[in-house]
Structure formats: C-alpha cells, structure tokens
C-alpha cells in the first residue's frame, strides 16, 4: 500500500467493536512515530498507553463532550505528551516566539506518523483534544514536566466512515 493509499484510507472512527489491540501492535505504532523529525532530535514526545479495561473506562471519563461515547469499545487509549521547555529552548530560554509551541509541533508530527501506521496496520483511530489534562495526569501519574496533548483512541471500527471533502488547493496555497 502506498503512502497516498494509506492517507486516503484513514478516517476518524467514532464507533468501535470492543476488539483488543495487542501490546506488540501498540509498540509498533510508537516505534514508527519515533521516526518523525523533532527539534534538534530532542525526541521529547511521550506516550501513556492505556490497555486494561478498568483503566480505559476511567480514562474515558476524563474526556469531554461526547467523546466518552465515541470511544466505547476501543482497544486502547494513547495519551500523548511532550516534555516542556526543551524543544524551542536553549538553556531554558525560548529560541523564538514559538517557545513550547515547537513541542506541540514535534508531538503533532509524531502523532501523524502514528495515525498513518495505524491505518496501514488496519487499526482505526480518533484524535481527541477535548479532555481534562489534569484528570488524566492524576489517573496515570503523568509527570508535571510533561504537557499533555491529545488522546488517541485505537481499535477496530464497527462501520465505515465517509471521507469528508477537502478544500481546493486555491483556497489553501499561495505560490510566490
């Protein structure tokens, strides 16, 4: 399968069938995510992977809006984070106006790699940003020096999702 086919196949899934995801599959996803570039190769992204049914239930209760319902039946939840004040900084001082934004950037790159690899492996995902970082931090004992980013639901879909339309290039690109 080509990268174009993988990207075209990937969808945000909001209904899972309860099938588990193996530790080996999850490790494969994170290993692949590590291949993404990072600021000065600092590799500050971190993954807190929830696989036990009881902890999945507890973590789902830390999600906002309708996300607890959208993640029913997931095989795992991955809480992504990054160690702050490292990338985009030299000796604790921001190198430019981006500051810790570069940590978010690096984490986003790694998360994108993870999503594409999951799709290649016939695993389905949903990226969740509406969540209580503090409740997740307390539940999973995530260190205070990490900024919690997204929660990624991993599992197997119940039904296919339609591809949403994409904007025309003329709307998003400027050539100079």
Protein backbone atom coordinates (compact mmCIF):
# COMPACT_ATOMS: atom_id res chain seq x y z
CA UNK A 1 0.00 0.00 0.00
CA UNK A 2 1.42 3.43 -0.94
CA UNK A 3 1.50 6.41 1.44
CA UNK A 4 -1.23 8.03 -0.69
CA UNK A 5 -3.44 4.96 -0.27
CA UNK A 6 -2.81 4.87 3.48
CA UNK A 7 -3.64 8.56 3.88
CA UNK A 8 -6.77 8.23 1.74
CA UNK A 9 -7.94 5.19 3.74
CA UNK A 10 -7.53 6.73 7.22
CA UNK A 11 -10.66 8.06 8.90
CA UNK A 12 -11.63 9.32 12.34
CA UNK A 13 -13.72 6.48 13.75
CA UNK A 14 -16.33 7.11 16.42
CA UNK A 15 -17.71 3.61 16.95
CA UNK A 16 -15.53 0.65 17.97
CA UNK A 17 -16.25 -3.09 18.20
CA UNK A 18 -14.52 -3.91 21.51
CA UNK A 19 -11.71 -5.95 19.95
CA UNK A 20 -8.40 -5.62 21.80
CA UNK A 21 -5.19 -4.15 20.43
CA UNK A 22 -2.03 -6.06 21.32
CA UNK A 23 0.96 -4.64 23.13
CA UNK A 24 3.07 -5.59 20.10
CA UNK A 25 0.81 -3.54 17.81
CA UNK A 26 0.99 -0.55 20.16
CA UNK A 27 4.77 -0.82 20.41
CA UNK A 28 4.98 -0.93 16.59
CA UNK A 29 2.93 2.28 16.40
CA UNK A 30 5.17 4.13 18.85
CA UNK A 31 8.38 2.86 17.22
CA UNK A 32 7.14 4.18 13.89
CA UNK A 33 6.08 7.51 15.45
CA UNK A 34 9.64 7.91 16.75
CA UNK A 35 10.84 8.14 13.14
CA UNK A 36 9.25 11.58 12.81
CA UNK A 37 11.62 14.53 12.91
CA UNK A 38 11.96 16.59 16.09
CA UNK A 39 13.66 19.85 17.09
CA UNK A 40 17.41 19.11 17.33
CA UNK A 41 16.43 15.43 17.58
CA UNK A 42 15.39 16.02 21.20
CA UNK A 43 12.58 13.41 20.97
CA UNK A 44 10.55 14.86 23.84
CA UNK A 45 7.25 13.20 22.89
CA UNK A 46 5.89 10.66 25.38
CA UNK A 47 3.14 8.03 25.18
CA UNK A 48 0.98 6.86 28.07
CA UNK A 49 -0.83 3.78 26.78
CA UNK A 50 -3.97 2.55 28.49
CA UNK A 51 -4.93 -1.06 27.75
CA UNK A 52 -6.63 -2.56 30.80
CA UNK A 53 -10.43 -2.43 30.63
CA UNK A 54 -10.79 -0.74 34.03
CA UNK A 55 -8.29 1.99 33.22
CA UNK A 56 -9.79 2.53 29.76
CA UNK A 57 -13.17 3.14 31.44
CA UNK A 58 -11.58 5.57 33.92
CA UNK A 59 -9.63 7.40 31.19
CA UNK A 60 -12.74 7.70 29.01
CA UNK A 61 -14.38 9.56 31.90
CA UNK A 62 -11.63 12.20 31.59
CA UNK A 63 -12.78 13.00 28.05
CA UNK A 64 -15.11 15.90 27.38
CA UNK A 65 -18.23 16.36 25.29
CA UNK A 66 -19.49 13.22 23.61
CA UNK A 67 -16.02 11.63 23.49
CA UNK A 68 -16.75 9.06 26.23
CA UNK A 69 -19.50 7.65 24.00
CA UNK A 70 -17.37 7.91 20.84
CA UNK A 71 -14.64 5.81 22.46
CA UNK A 72 -16.82 2.98 23.75
CA UNK A 73 -15.32 -0.32 22.63
CA UNK A 74 -11.79 0.99 21.95
CA UNK A 75 -8.92 -1.44 22.31
CA UNK A 76 -6.56 1.15 23.79
CA UNK A 77 -6.15 4.84 24.50
CA UNK A 78 -2.86 6.60 23.95
CA UNK A 79 -2.35 9.84 25.84
CA UNK A 80 0.39 11.77 24.08
CA UNK A 81 2.52 14.40 25.77
CA UNK A 82 5.83 16.21 25.48
CA UNK A 83 8.44 17.31 27.98
CA UNK A 84 8.12 21.08 28.04
CA UNK A 85 10.77 23.82 28.00
CA UNK A 86 13.21 21.71 25.95
CA UNK A 87 12.44 21.93 22.23
CA UNK A 88 12.41 25.54 21.05
CA UNK A 89 14.61 26.46 24.02
CA UNK A 90 18.31 26.89 24.77
CA UNK A 91 19.24 26.72 28.45
CA UNK A 92 15.58 27.22 29.41
CA UNK A 93 15.10 30.34 27.24
CA UNK A 94 12.82 30.27 24.19
CA UNK A 95 14.77 30.46 20.92
CA UNK A 96 11.96 32.28 19.12
CA UNK A 97 8.32 33.27 19.52
CA UNK A 98 7.30 29.61 19.13
CA UNK A 99 8.68 28.56 22.52
CA UNK A 100 6.86 25.44 23.72
CA UNK A 101 4.84 25.55 20.51
CA UNK A 102 7.68 23.56 19.00
CA UNK A 103 6.94 20.77 21.47
CA UNK A 104 3.35 20.73 20.21
CA UNK A 105 4.68 20.73 16.65
CA UNK A 106 7.00 17.76 17.25
CA UNK A 107 4.24 15.88 19.07
CA UNK A 108 1.87 16.54 16.17
CA UNK A 109 4.38 15.16 13.68
CA UNK A 110 4.81 12.01 15.73
CA UNK A 111 1.06 11.65 16.18
CA UNK A 112 0.56 11.95 12.42
CA UNK A 113 3.10 9.18 11.82
CA UNK A 114 1.32 7.04 14.42
CA UNK A 115 -2.06 7.57 12.74
CA UNK A 116 -0.71 6.62 9.33
CA UNK A 117 0.97 3.49 10.67
CA UNK A 118 -2.25 2.50 12.46
CA UNK A 119 -4.12 2.80 9.18
CA UNK A 120 -1.52 0.66 7.42
CA UNK A 121 -1.97 -1.95 10.18
CA UNK A 122 -5.78 -1.91 9.75
CA UNK A 123 -6.25 -0.22 13.11
CA UNK A 124 -8.68 2.67 13.45
CA UNK A 125 -8.13 5.90 15.33
CA UNK A 126 -9.76 9.01 16.69
CA UNK A 127 -7.73 12.02 17.86
CA UNK A 128 -9.36 13.68 20.86
CA UNK A 129 -8.48 17.14 22.08
CA UNK A 130 -11.44 17.74 24.39
CA UNK A 131 -10.19 16.14 27.59
CA UNK A 132 -9.20 17.03 31.14
CA UNK A 133 -5.41 17.05 31.18
CA UNK A 134 -5.33 17.28 34.98
CA UNK A 135 -7.67 14.32 35.49
CA UNK A 136 -5.59 12.25 33.04
CA UNK A 137 -2.40 13.39 34.78
CA UNK A 138 -3.79 12.28 38.15
CA UNK A 139 -5.15 8.97 36.84
CA UNK A 140 -1.96 7.93 35.03
CA UNK A 141 0.62 9.70 37.20
CA UNK A 142 1.90 11.72 34.23
CA UNK A 143 4.81 13.91 35.39
CA UNK A 144 4.28 17.65 35.83
CA UNK A 145 7.10 18.44 33.38
CA UNK A 146 5.04 16.97 30.53
CA UNK A 147 2.41 18.89 28.61
CA UNK A 148 -0.49 16.59 27.78
CA UNK A 149 -1.51 16.79 24.14
CA UNK A 150 -4.04 14.53 22.52
CA UNK A 151 -5.76 11.31 23.44
CA UNK A 152 -5.72 8.85 20.56
CA UNK A 153 -8.33 6.09 20.55
CA UNK A 154 -7.09 2.90 18.87
CA UNK A 155 -9.28 -0.01 17.90
CA UNK A 156 -11.39 -1.62 15.23
CA UNK A 157 -14.34 0.12 13.58
CA UNK A 158 -17.91 -1.09 13.63
CA UNK A 159 -18.75 0.67 10.37
CA UNK A 160 -17.01 2.60 7.63
CA UNK A 161 -16.79 6.37 7.75
CA UNK A 162 -17.18 8.63 4.73
CA UNK A 163 -14.29 10.78 3.54
CA UNK A 164 -15.08 14.42 4.26
CA UNK A 165 -14.45 16.84 1.40
CA UNK A 166 -11.11 18.63 1.15
CA UNK A 167 -10.68 22.27 0.19
CA UNK A 168 -9.41 23.11 -3.25
CA UNK A 169 -5.71 23.98 -3.41
CA UNK A 170 -6.59 27.51 -4.50
CA UNK A 171 -8.14 28.06 -1.07
CA UNK A 172 -5.10 26.99 0.94
CA UNK A 173 -1.97 27.57 -1.19
CA UNK A 174 -0.11 30.70 -2.22
CA UNK A 175 2.77 30.41 -4.69
CA UNK A 176 5.33 33.24 -4.86
